[in-house]
Amino acid sequence: MTTPLTVDQLEPRLGRLTLIDVRSPGEYAAGHIPGALNIPLDRLDHALPALRSAAARSQLAVVCAAGQRALNACARLDEAGITALVVTGGTNAWTDAGRPVERVAGARPVWAMDRQVRLVAGSIVLLGLLADRARPGARWISAAVGGGLVLSALTDSCALGTALGRLPYNRPRPGTPTLDDTLAAIGG
């Protein structure tokens, strides 16, 4: 079972726990909680040995933009026998409370992954419906996206989010710590 941690509870504990940010490197570079280390959700399994080691030394807390990816990460950590706290409301709650974020020099703002998914999925649905006027049957593209969204909700995974995470603007920027840098920092 994952224990929630509010931003008010997190702030005095910064530096005493290991804070893992599971957003894409682009999201992380654009602004993260001070001291947070970036391990993108799609690379979490690779980092399990280092996270197990870090959890033996101090408590782990996991954060993302709003909380869902962090909850997914905590469930995977729990399956691996690693206990972690989840930051309720994520980095959004942190900034909404007026707390500062660190940015990688030169990083541009990047939309949160859930917002990117909504834009792409909505655009494909709309284009499929419009294309159906010129080419009957194109609406099935929209139906396929709708089916993918249903599957995403049922499995609590997102293939579109994983694909978008590989696009250049979501990849690490120069100066952004790599996964290897993060694993070295936590002793992995």
N, C-alpha and C. Protein backbone atom coordinates (compact mmCIF):
# COMPACT_ATOMS: atom_id res chain seq x y z
N MET A 1 0.85 -1.19 0.00
CA MET A 1 0.00 0.00 0.00
C MET A 1 0.89 1.24 0.00
N THR A 2 0.56 2.17 -0.87
CA THR A 2 1.32 3.41 -0.99
C THR A 2 0.80 4.44 0.00
N THR A 3 1.72 5.10 0.67
CA THR A 3 1.35 6.13 1.63
C THR A 3 1.45 7.49 0.96
N PRO A 4 0.39 8.30 1.04
CA PRO A 4 0.45 9.63 0.44
C PRO A 4 1.28 10.59 1.31
N LEU A 5 1.89 11.54 0.63
CA LEU A 5 2.71 12.56 1.28
C LEU A 5 2.33 13.89 0.65
N THR A 6 1.80 14.82 1.44
CA THR A 6 1.42 16.12 0.89
C THR A 6 2.68 16.97 0.69
N VAL A 7 2.55 18.03 -0.09
CA VAL A 7 3.71 18.90 -0.31
C VAL A 7 4.11 19.58 1.00
N ASP A 8 3.14 19.85 1.88
CA ASP A 8 3.47 20.43 3.19
C ASP A 8 4.30 19.45 4.02
N GLN A 9 4.01 18.16 3.90
CA GLN A 9 4.78 17.15 4.62
C GLN A 9 6.13 16.89 3.95
N LEU A 10 6.17 17.04 2.64
CA LEU A 10 7.40 16.79 1.89
C LEU A 10 8.46 17.85 2.15
N GLU A 11 8.07 19.10 2.14
CA GLU A 11 9.05 20.20 2.20
C GLU A 11 10.06 20.07 3.34
N PRO A 12 9.63 19.82 4.58
CA PRO A 12 10.65 19.72 5.64
C PRO A 12 11.49 18.44 5.56
N ARG A 13 11.07 17.50 4.74
CA ARG A 13 11.80 16.23 4.63
C ARG A 13 12.77 16.20 3.45
N LEU A 14 12.75 17.23 2.61
CA LEU A 14 13.67 17.28 1.48
C LEU A 14 15.10 17.18 2.01
N GLY A 15 15.89 16.38 1.34
CA GLY A 15 17.27 16.18 1.77
C GLY A 15 17.43 15.00 2.73
N ARG A 16 16.33 14.60 3.36
CA ARG A 16 16.38 13.44 4.27
C ARG A 16 15.77 12.20 3.63
N LEU A 17 15.11 12.38 2.51
CA LEU A 17 14.56 11.24 1.79
C LEU A 17 15.03 11.33 0.35
N THR A 18 14.88 10.24 -0.38
CA THR A 18 15.25 10.22 -1.80
C THR A 18 13.98 10.48 -2.60
N LEU A 19 13.96 11.60 -3.31
CA LEU A 19 12.80 11.99 -4.09
C LEU A 19 13.04 11.66 -5.56
N ILE A 20 12.19 10.82 -6.11
CA ILE A 20 12.30 10.36 -7.50
C ILE A 20 11.17 10.98 -8.32
N ASP A 21 11.54 11.66 -9.40
CA ASP A 21 10.59 12.28 -10.32
C ASP A 21 10.48 11.37 -11.55
N VAL A 22 9.30 10.83 -11.80
CA VAL A 22 9.13 9.83 -12.87
C VAL A 22 8.61 10.43 -14.17
N ARG A 23 8.66 11.75 -14.30
CA ARG A 23 8.22 12.38 -15.55
C ARG A 23 9.29 12.21 -16.63
N SER A 24 8.96 12.61 -17.85
CA SER A 24 9.92 12.54 -18.94
C SER A 24 11.07 13.51 -18.65
N PRO A 25 12.25 13.27 -19.23
CA PRO A 25 13.37 14.19 -19.01
C PRO A 25 13.05 15.63 -19.41
N GLY A 26 12.25 15.82 -20.46
CA GLY A 26 11.87 17.18 -20.87
C GLY A 26 11.03 17.87 -19.83
N GLU A 27 10.05 17.14 -19.26
CA GLU A 27 9.22 17.71 -18.20
C GLU A 27 10.07 18.04 -16.98
N TYR A 28 10.96 17.11 -16.63
CA TYR A 28 11.84 17.29 -15.48
C TYR A 28 12.72 18.53 -15.66
N ALA A 29 13.32 18.67 -16.85
CA ALA A 29 14.23 19.79 -17.12
C ALA A 29 13.50 21.13 -17.02
N ALA A 30 12.22 21.15 -17.42
CA ALA A 30 11.45 22.39 -17.42
C ALA A 30 11.10 22.86 -16.01
N GLY A 31 11.18 22.00 -15.02
CA GLY A 31 10.93 22.40 -13.64
C GLY A 31 10.62 21.22 -12.75
N HIS A 32 11.44 21.04 -11.71
CA HIS A 32 11.25 19.93 -10.78
C HIS A 32 11.46 20.38 -9.34
N ILE A 33 10.96 19.62 -8.42
CA ILE A 33 11.12 19.91 -6.99
C ILE A 33 12.62 19.85 -6.67
N PRO A 34 13.13 20.84 -5.94
CA PRO A 34 14.56 20.84 -5.62
C PRO A 34 15.00 19.51 -4.99
N GLY A 35 16.08 18.97 -5.52
CA GLY A 35 16.64 17.72 -5.00
C GLY A 35 16.06 16.47 -5.62
N ALA A 36 15.01 16.61 -6.44
CA ALA A 36 14.41 15.44 -7.07
C ALA A 36 15.36 14.87 -8.12
N LEU A 37 15.37 13.55 -8.22
CA LEU A 37 16.19 12.85 -9.20
C LEU A 37 15.26 12.26 -10.25
N ASN A 38 15.65 12.33 -11.52
CA ASN A 38 14.77 11.90 -12.60
C ASN A 38 15.01 10.45 -13.01
N ILE A 39 13.99 9.64 -12.84
CA ILE A 39 13.95 8.29 -13.39
C ILE A 39 12.62 8.18 -14.11
N PRO A 40 12.62 8.37 -15.45
CA PRO A 40 11.36 8.30 -16.19
C PRO A 40 10.65 6.98 -15.94
N LEU A 41 9.33 7.05 -15.89
CA LEU A 41 8.53 5.87 -15.58
C LEU A 41 8.86 4.69 -16.48
N ASP A 42 9.13 4.95 -17.76
CA ASP A 42 9.43 3.84 -18.67
C ASP A 42 10.81 3.25 -18.45
N ARG A 43 11.62 3.82 -17.57
CA ARG A 43 12.95 3.29 -17.25
C ARG A 43 13.02 2.78 -15.80
N LEU A 44 11.88 2.77 -15.12
CA LEU A 44 11.85 2.40 -13.70
C LEU A 44 12.38 1.00 -13.44
N ASP A 45 11.99 0.04 -14.28
CA ASP A 45 12.44 -1.34 -14.06
C ASP A 45 13.96 -1.45 -14.10
N HIS A 46 14.59 -0.69 -14.99
CA HIS A 46 16.05 -0.68 -15.08
C HIS A 46 16.69 -0.15 -13.79
N ALA A 47 15.99 0.74 -13.11
CA ALA A 47 16.53 1.39 -11.92
C ALA A 47 16.20 0.65 -10.61
N LEU A 48 15.45 -0.44 -10.68
CA LEU A 48 15.01 -1.12 -9.45
C LEU A 48 16.15 -1.50 -8.50
N PRO A 49 17.27 -2.05 -8.98
CA PRO A 49 18.34 -2.38 -8.02
C PRO A 49 18.86 -1.15 -7.26
N ALA A 50 19.04 -0.04 -7.96
CA ALA A 50 19.51 1.18 -7.30
C ALA A 50 18.46 1.72 -6.34
N LEU A 51 17.19 1.64 -6.73
CA LEU A 51 16.13 2.12 -5.86
C LEU A 51 16.00 1.25 -4.61
N ARG A 52 16.20 -0.05 -4.76
CA ARG A 52 16.18 -0.95 -3.61
C ARG A 52 17.29 -0.56 -2.63
N SER A 53 18.46 -0.28 -3.16
CA SER A 53 19.60 0.14 -2.34
C SER A 53 19.31 1.48 -1.65
N ALA A 54 18.76 2.43 -2.40
CA ALA A 54 18.43 3.74 -1.83
C ALA A 54 17.38 3.62 -0.74
N ALA A 55 16.39 2.76 -0.96
CA ALA A 55 15.32 2.57 0.04
C ALA A 55 15.84 1.96 1.32
N ALA A 56 16.93 1.22 1.24
CA ALA A 56 17.53 0.64 2.45
C ALA A 56 18.21 1.71 3.30
N ARG A 57 18.61 2.82 2.66
CA ARG A 57 19.30 3.91 3.37
C ARG A 57 18.37 5.00 3.86
N SER A 58 17.35 5.31 3.07
CA SER A 58 16.40 6.36 3.44
C SER A 58 15.07 6.10 2.75
N GLN A 59 14.06 6.80 3.21
CA GLN A 59 12.74 6.62 2.61
C GLN A 59 12.74 7.15 1.18
N LEU A 60 11.96 6.51 0.32
CA LEU A 60 11.77 6.97 -1.05
C LEU A 60 10.43 7.69 -1.13
N ALA A 61 10.41 8.74 -1.93
CA ALA A 61 9.16 9.40 -2.29
C ALA A 61 9.17 9.54 -3.80
N VAL A 62 8.00 9.41 -4.41
CA VAL A 62 7.88 9.46 -5.86
C VAL A 62 6.92 10.58 -6.23
N VAL A 63 7.31 11.33 -7.28
CA VAL A 63 6.51 12.47 -7.73
C VAL A 63 6.44 12.46 -9.25
N CYS A 64 5.36 13.01 -9.78
CA CYS A 64 5.22 13.25 -11.21
C CYS A 64 4.53 14.60 -11.35
N ALA A 65 3.82 14.84 -12.42
CA ALA A 65 3.15 16.13 -12.60
C ALA A 65 1.95 16.27 -11.67
N ALA A 66 1.05 15.29 -11.70
CA ALA A 66 -0.19 15.39 -10.92
C ALA A 66 -0.41 14.23 -9.96
N GLY A 67 0.28 13.12 -10.14
CA GLY A 67 0.16 12.01 -9.20
C GLY A 67 -0.07 10.64 -9.80
N GLN A 68 -0.65 10.54 -11.01
CA GLN A 68 -1.00 9.23 -11.55
C GLN A 68 0.23 8.41 -11.91
N ARG A 69 1.20 9.01 -12.58
CA ARG A 69 2.41 8.25 -12.92
C ARG A 69 3.16 7.86 -11.66
N ALA A 70 3.15 8.72 -10.66
CA ALA A 70 3.80 8.39 -9.40
C ALA A 70 3.10 7.21 -8.71
N LEU A 71 1.78 7.18 -8.77
CA LEU A 71 1.04 6.03 -8.21
C LEU A 71 1.39 4.75 -8.96
N ASN A 72 1.50 4.84 -10.30
CA ASN A 72 1.89 3.67 -11.09
C ASN A 72 3.29 3.22 -10.70
N ALA A 73 4.19 4.16 -10.53
CA ALA A 73 5.57 3.82 -10.13
C ALA A 73 5.58 3.17 -8.76
N CYS A 74 4.82 3.70 -7.83
CA CYS A 74 4.78 3.13 -6.48
C CYS A 74 4.22 1.70 -6.50
N ALA A 75 3.24 1.45 -7.36
CA ALA A 75 2.69 0.09 -7.47
C ALA A 75 3.76 -0.86 -8.00
N ARG A 76 4.54 -0.42 -8.98
CA ARG A 76 5.62 -1.26 -9.51
C ARG A 76 6.71 -1.45 -8.47
N LEU A 77 7.01 -0.41 -7.72
CA LEU A 77 8.01 -0.55 -6.66
C LEU A 77 7.52 -1.52 -5.59
N ASP A 78 6.24 -1.41 -5.25
CA ASP A 78 5.67 -2.31 -4.25
C ASP A 78 5.75 -3.77 -4.71
N GLU A 79 5.48 -4.01 -5.98
CA GLU A 79 5.59 -5.37 -6.54
C GLU A 79 7.02 -5.90 -6.43
N ALA A 80 7.99 -4.97 -6.46
CA ALA A 80 9.40 -5.35 -6.35
C ALA A 80 9.87 -5.38 -4.89
N GLY A 81 8.94 -5.15 -3.96
CA GLY A 81 9.29 -5.18 -2.54
C GLY A 81 9.94 -3.91 -2.04
N ILE A 82 9.73 -2.81 -2.73
CA ILE A 82 10.32 -1.53 -2.34
C ILE A 82 9.19 -0.60 -1.89
N THR A 83 9.31 -0.07 -0.69
CA THR A 83 8.31 0.82 -0.14
C THR A 83 8.62 2.26 -0.55
N ALA A 84 7.58 2.98 -0.97
CA ALA A 84 7.76 4.38 -1.36
C ALA A 84 6.51 5.18 -1.02
N LEU A 85 6.72 6.45 -0.76
CA LEU A 85 5.64 7.40 -0.54
C LEU A 85 5.30 8.04 -1.88
N VAL A 86 4.08 8.49 -2.04
CA VAL A 86 3.69 9.19 -3.27
C VAL A 86 3.33 10.62 -2.90
N VAL A 87 3.87 11.58 -3.65
CA VAL A 87 3.59 12.99 -3.40
C VAL A 87 2.23 13.32 -4.01
N THR A 88 1.27 13.61 -3.16
CA THR A 88 -0.09 13.89 -3.57
C THR A 88 -0.14 15.17 -4.40
N GLY A 89 -0.72 15.08 -5.58
CA GLY A 89 -0.86 16.25 -6.44
C GLY A 89 0.38 16.58 -7.24
N GLY A 90 1.49 15.89 -6.95
CA GLY A 90 2.72 16.03 -7.71
C GLY A 90 3.33 17.41 -7.75
N THR A 91 4.11 17.63 -8.79
CA THR A 91 4.80 18.91 -8.96
C THR A 91 3.80 20.04 -9.14
N ASN A 92 2.63 19.73 -9.72
CA ASN A 92 1.59 20.75 -9.85
C ASN A 92 1.18 21.29 -8.49
N ALA A 93 0.97 20.40 -7.52
CA ALA A 93 0.59 20.83 -6.17
C ALA A 93 1.73 21.64 -5.54
N TRP A 94 2.97 21.23 -5.81
CA TRP A 94 4.14 21.93 -5.27
C TRP A 94 4.16 23.38 -5.77
N THR A 95 4.01 23.56 -7.09
CA THR A 95 4.06 24.92 -7.64
C THR A 95 2.80 25.71 -7.29
N ASP A 96 1.65 25.03 -7.22
CA ASP A 96 0.41 25.72 -6.82
C ASP A 96 0.50 26.27 -5.41
N ALA A 97 1.32 25.62 -4.58
CA ALA A 97 1.52 26.08 -3.20
C ALA A 97 2.57 27.20 -3.13
N GLY A 98 3.07 27.63 -4.29
CA GLY A 98 4.02 28.73 -4.33
C GLY A 98 5.46 28.34 -4.04
N ARG A 99 5.75 27.06 -4.10
CA ARG A 99 7.11 26.61 -3.81
C ARG A 99 7.96 26.66 -5.08
N PRO A 100 9.26 26.87 -4.91
CA PRO A 100 10.13 27.02 -6.09
C PRO A 100 10.47 25.68 -6.73
N VAL A 101 10.79 25.74 -8.01
CA VAL A 101 11.26 24.56 -8.73
C VAL A 101 12.65 24.87 -9.29
N GLU A 102 13.41 23.81 -9.51
CA GLU A 102 14.71 23.94 -10.17
C GLU A 102 14.49 23.65 -11.65
N ARG A 103 15.25 24.33 -12.50
CA ARG A 103 15.18 24.11 -13.94
C ARG A 103 16.58 23.84 -14.47
N VAL A 104 16.65 23.02 -15.49
CA VAL A 104 17.91 22.80 -16.18
C VAL A 104 18.14 24.02 -17.06
N ALA A 105 19.34 24.56 -17.03
CA ALA A 105 19.66 25.76 -17.80
C ALA A 105 19.28 25.56 -19.27
N GLY A 106 18.58 26.53 -19.82
CA GLY A 106 18.19 26.48 -21.23
C GLY A 106 16.97 25.65 -21.53
N ALA A 107 16.36 25.05 -20.52
CA ALA A 107 15.19 24.20 -20.75
C ALA A 107 13.97 25.05 -21.09
N ARG A 108 13.21 24.59 -22.07
CA ARG A 108 11.97 25.25 -22.44
C ARG A 108 10.82 24.59 -21.69
N PRO A 109 9.74 25.33 -21.49
CA PRO A 109 8.57 24.69 -20.87
C PRO A 109 8.06 23.55 -21.76
N VAL A 110 7.69 22.45 -21.14
CA VAL A 110 7.15 21.29 -21.85
C VAL A 110 5.82 20.95 -21.21
N TRP A 111 4.82 20.68 -22.03
CA TRP A 111 3.53 20.28 -21.50
C TRP A 111 3.66 18.97 -20.74
N ALA A 112 2.86 18.82 -19.70
CA ALA A 112 2.79 17.56 -18.97
C ALA A 112 2.34 16.46 -19.93
N MET A 113 2.80 15.24 -19.69
CA MET A 113 2.52 14.13 -20.60
C MET A 113 1.02 13.91 -20.79
N ASP A 114 0.22 14.00 -19.73
CA ASP A 114 -1.21 13.78 -19.90
C ASP A 114 -1.82 14.83 -20.83
N ARG A 115 -1.32 16.05 -20.79
CA ARG A 115 -1.81 17.09 -21.69
C ARG A 115 -1.39 16.79 -23.13
N GLN A 116 -0.17 16.32 -23.33
CA GLN A 116 0.28 15.94 -24.67
C GLN A 116 -0.59 14.81 -25.22
N VAL A 117 -0.90 13.82 -24.38
CA VAL A 117 -1.73 12.68 -24.82
C VAL A 117 -3.12 13.18 -25.21
N ARG A 118 -3.71 14.06 -24.41
CA ARG A 118 -5.04 14.57 -24.74
C ARG A 118 -5.03 15.33 -26.06
N LEU A 119 -3.97 16.14 -26.30
CA LEU A 119 -3.88 16.89 -27.55
C LEU A 119 -3.78 15.95 -28.74
N VAL A 120 -2.89 14.97 -28.68
CA VAL A 120 -2.69 14.07 -29.82
C VAL A 120 -3.92 13.20 -30.04
N ALA A 121 -4.45 12.59 -28.97
CA ALA A 121 -5.62 11.72 -29.13
C ALA A 121 -6.82 12.52 -29.65
N GLY A 122 -7.06 13.68 -29.09
CA GLY A 122 -8.17 14.51 -29.55
C GLY A 122 -8.00 14.95 -30.99
N SER A 123 -6.77 15.29 -31.37
CA SER A 123 -6.50 15.71 -32.75
C SER A 123 -6.75 14.57 -33.74
N ILE A 124 -6.31 13.38 -33.37
CA ILE A 124 -6.51 12.23 -34.26
C ILE A 124 -8.00 11.91 -34.40
N VAL A 125 -8.73 11.96 -33.29
CA VAL A 125 -10.18 11.71 -33.34
C VAL A 125 -10.85 12.75 -34.24
N LEU A 126 -10.53 14.01 -34.04
CA LEU A 126 -11.14 15.08 -34.83
C LEU A 126 -10.77 14.94 -36.31
N LEU A 127 -9.50 14.68 -36.61
CA LEU A 127 -9.09 14.51 -38.00
C LEU A 127 -9.75 13.30 -38.65
N GLY A 128 -9.90 12.21 -37.89
CA GLY A 128 -10.58 11.03 -38.43
C GLY A 128 -12.02 11.31 -38.78
N LEU A 129 -12.70 12.09 -37.93
CA LEU A 129 -14.09 12.42 -38.22
C LEU A 129 -14.21 13.37 -39.41
N LEU A 130 -13.31 14.34 -39.50
CA LEU A 130 -13.33 15.26 -40.63
C LEU A 130 -12.96 14.54 -41.93
N ALA A 131 -11.97 13.66 -41.86
CA ALA A 131 -11.54 12.91 -43.05
C ALA A 131 -12.65 11.99 -43.54
N ASP A 132 -13.51 11.55 -42.64
CA ASP A 132 -14.60 10.65 -43.02
C ASP A 132 -15.57 11.32 -43.99
N ARG A 133 -15.62 12.63 -43.95
CA ARG A 133 -16.50 13.35 -44.89
C ARG A 133 -15.97 13.20 -46.32
N ALA A 134 -14.65 13.19 -46.47
CA ALA A 134 -14.05 13.07 -47.80
C ALA A 134 -13.80 11.61 -48.18
N ARG A 135 -13.53 10.81 -47.22
CA ARG A 135 -13.20 9.39 -47.47
C ARG A 135 -13.98 8.55 -46.46
N PRO A 136 -15.19 8.13 -46.82
CA PRO A 136 -16.00 7.34 -45.89
C PRO A 136 -15.22 6.14 -45.34
N GLY A 137 -15.34 5.95 -44.06
CA GLY A 137 -14.63 4.87 -43.38
C GLY A 137 -13.46 5.38 -42.54
N ALA A 138 -13.04 6.62 -42.80
CA ALA A 138 -11.91 7.17 -42.03
C ALA A 138 -12.28 7.35 -40.55
N ARG A 139 -13.56 7.36 -40.25
CA ARG A 139 -13.97 7.52 -38.84
C ARG A 139 -13.47 6.35 -37.97
N TRP A 140 -13.12 5.22 -38.63
CA TRP A 140 -12.63 4.08 -37.86
C TRP A 140 -11.28 4.39 -37.20
N ILE A 141 -10.58 5.36 -37.76
CA ILE A 141 -9.34 5.83 -37.09
C ILE A 141 -9.72 6.40 -35.72
N SER A 142 -10.78 7.20 -35.70
CA SER A 142 -11.26 7.78 -34.44
C SER A 142 -11.70 6.69 -33.47
N ALA A 143 -12.38 5.67 -34.02
CA ALA A 143 -12.82 4.56 -33.18
C ALA A 143 -11.63 3.82 -32.59
N ALA A 144 -10.57 3.66 -33.37
CA ALA A 144 -9.37 2.97 -32.88
C ALA A 144 -8.73 3.76 -31.73
N VAL A 145 -8.67 5.08 -31.88
CA VAL A 145 -8.10 5.91 -30.80
C VAL A 145 -8.98 5.80 -29.56
N GLY A 146 -10.30 5.84 -29.74
CA GLY A 146 -11.21 5.68 -28.60
C GLY A 146 -11.00 4.35 -27.91
N GLY A 147 -10.85 3.28 -28.70
CA GLY A 147 -10.57 1.96 -28.13
C GLY A 147 -9.25 1.94 -27.38
N GLY A 148 -8.24 2.62 -27.94
CA GLY A 148 -6.94 2.70 -27.26
C GLY A 148 -7.04 3.42 -25.93
N LEU A 149 -7.86 4.48 -25.88
CA LEU A 149 -8.04 5.21 -24.62
C LEU A 149 -8.76 4.35 -23.58
N VAL A 150 -9.75 3.57 -24.03
CA VAL A 150 -10.44 2.66 -23.11
C VAL A 150 -9.46 1.62 -22.58
N LEU A 151 -8.67 1.02 -23.47
CA LEU A 151 -7.67 0.04 -23.06
C LEU A 151 -6.66 0.66 -22.09
N SER A 152 -6.27 1.89 -22.38
CA SER A 152 -5.34 2.61 -21.51
C SER A 152 -5.92 2.76 -20.09
N ALA A 153 -7.19 3.09 -20.02
CA ALA A 153 -7.84 3.25 -18.71
C ALA A 153 -7.95 1.91 -17.99
N LEU A 154 -8.32 0.85 -18.73
CA LEU A 154 -8.49 -0.46 -18.11
C LEU A 154 -7.17 -1.06 -17.61
N THR A 155 -6.09 -0.81 -18.35
CA THR A 155 -4.80 -1.40 -17.98
C THR A 155 -3.93 -0.43 -17.17
N ASP A 156 -4.39 0.82 -17.03
CA ASP A 156 -3.66 1.86 -16.32
C ASP A 156 -2.25 2.02 -16.91
N SER A 157 -2.21 1.99 -18.24
CA SER A 157 -0.96 2.20 -18.97
C SER A 157 -1.28 3.12 -20.13
N CYS A 158 -0.27 3.61 -20.82
CA CYS A 158 -0.55 4.51 -21.93
C CYS A 158 0.52 4.37 -22.99
N ALA A 159 0.21 3.61 -24.03
CA ALA A 159 1.16 3.42 -25.12
C ALA A 159 1.44 4.74 -25.83
N LEU A 160 0.42 5.58 -25.97
CA LEU A 160 0.61 6.88 -26.62
C LEU A 160 1.55 7.75 -25.80
N GLY A 161 1.38 7.74 -24.48
CA GLY A 161 2.28 8.50 -23.61
C GLY A 161 3.71 8.00 -23.71
N THR A 162 3.89 6.68 -23.79
CA THR A 162 5.22 6.11 -23.94
C THR A 162 5.84 6.55 -25.26
N ALA A 163 5.05 6.52 -26.33
CA ALA A 163 5.55 6.95 -27.64
C ALA A 163 5.90 8.43 -27.63
N LEU A 164 5.03 9.26 -27.05
CA LEU A 164 5.30 10.70 -27.00
C LEU A 164 6.54 11.00 -26.16
N GLY A 165 6.77 10.19 -25.13
CA GLY A 165 7.95 10.37 -24.28
C GLY A 165 9.26 10.20 -25.03
N ARG A 166 9.20 9.56 -26.19
CA ARG A 166 10.42 9.34 -26.99
C ARG A 166 10.66 10.45 -28.02
N LEU A 167 9.72 11.38 -28.13
CA LEU A 167 9.90 12.48 -29.08
C LEU A 167 11.01 13.42 -28.60
N PRO A 168 11.65 14.12 -29.52
CA PRO A 168 12.81 14.95 -29.16
C PRO A 168 12.56 15.95 -28.03
N TYR A 169 11.39 16.59 -27.99
CA TYR A 169 11.16 17.60 -26.96
C TYR A 169 10.94 16.99 -25.58
N ASN A 170 10.74 15.70 -25.49
CA ASN A 170 10.60 15.03 -24.20
C ASN A 170 11.88 14.33 -23.77
N ARG A 171 12.88 14.33 -24.63
CA ARG A 171 14.15 13.68 -24.32
C ARG A 171 15.02 14.61 -23.48
N PRO A 172 16.06 14.05 -22.89
CA PRO A 172 16.95 14.90 -22.08
C PRO A 172 17.58 16.01 -22.93
N ARG A 173 17.68 17.18 -22.35
CA ARG A 173 18.36 18.30 -22.97
C ARG A 173 19.78 18.35 -22.45
N PRO A 174 20.66 19.01 -23.18
CA PRO A 174 22.02 19.16 -22.65
C PRO A 174 21.96 19.76 -21.23
N GLY A 175 22.69 19.15 -20.35
CA GLY A 175 22.69 19.60 -18.95
C GLY A 175 21.72 18.86 -18.06
N THR A 176 20.79 18.11 -18.67
CA THR A 176 19.85 17.32 -17.88
C THR A 176 20.55 16.04 -17.44
N PRO A 177 20.49 15.72 -16.16
CA PRO A 177 21.12 14.48 -15.71
C PRO A 177 20.56 13.26 -16.45
N THR A 178 21.42 12.36 -16.84
CA THR A 178 20.99 11.12 -17.51
C THR A 178 20.56 10.12 -16.45
N LEU A 179 19.97 9.03 -16.92
CA LEU A 179 19.59 7.97 -15.98
C LEU A 179 20.82 7.43 -15.27
N ASP A 180 21.91 7.28 -16.00
CA ASP A 180 23.16 6.81 -15.36
C ASP A 180 23.64 7.78 -14.27
N ASP A 181 23.51 9.09 -14.52
CA ASP A 181 23.87 10.09 -13.51
C ASP A 181 22.99 9.91 -12.26
N THR A 182 21.70 9.71 -12.50
CA THR A 182 20.77 9.54 -11.38
C THR A 182 21.08 8.27 -10.59
N LEU A 183 21.33 7.18 -11.30
CA LEU A 183 21.64 5.92 -10.62
C LEU A 183 22.93 6.04 -9.81
N ALA A 184 23.91 6.76 -10.34
CA ALA A 184 25.15 7.00 -9.59
C ALA A 184 24.88 7.83 -8.35
N ALA A 185 24.01 8.82 -8.48
CA ALA A 185 23.68 9.71 -7.35
C ALA A 185 22.98 8.96 -6.21
N ILE A 186 22.19 7.94 -6.55
CA ILE A 186 21.49 7.20 -5.49
C ILE A 186 22.26 5.94 -5.08
N GLY A 187 23.41 5.77 -5.69
CA GLY A 187 24.25 4.64 -5.26
C GLY A 187 23.99 3.36 -6.01
N GLY A 188 23.51 3.46 -7.24
CA GLY A 188 23.21 2.27 -8.01
C GLY A 188 24.25 2.02 -9.03
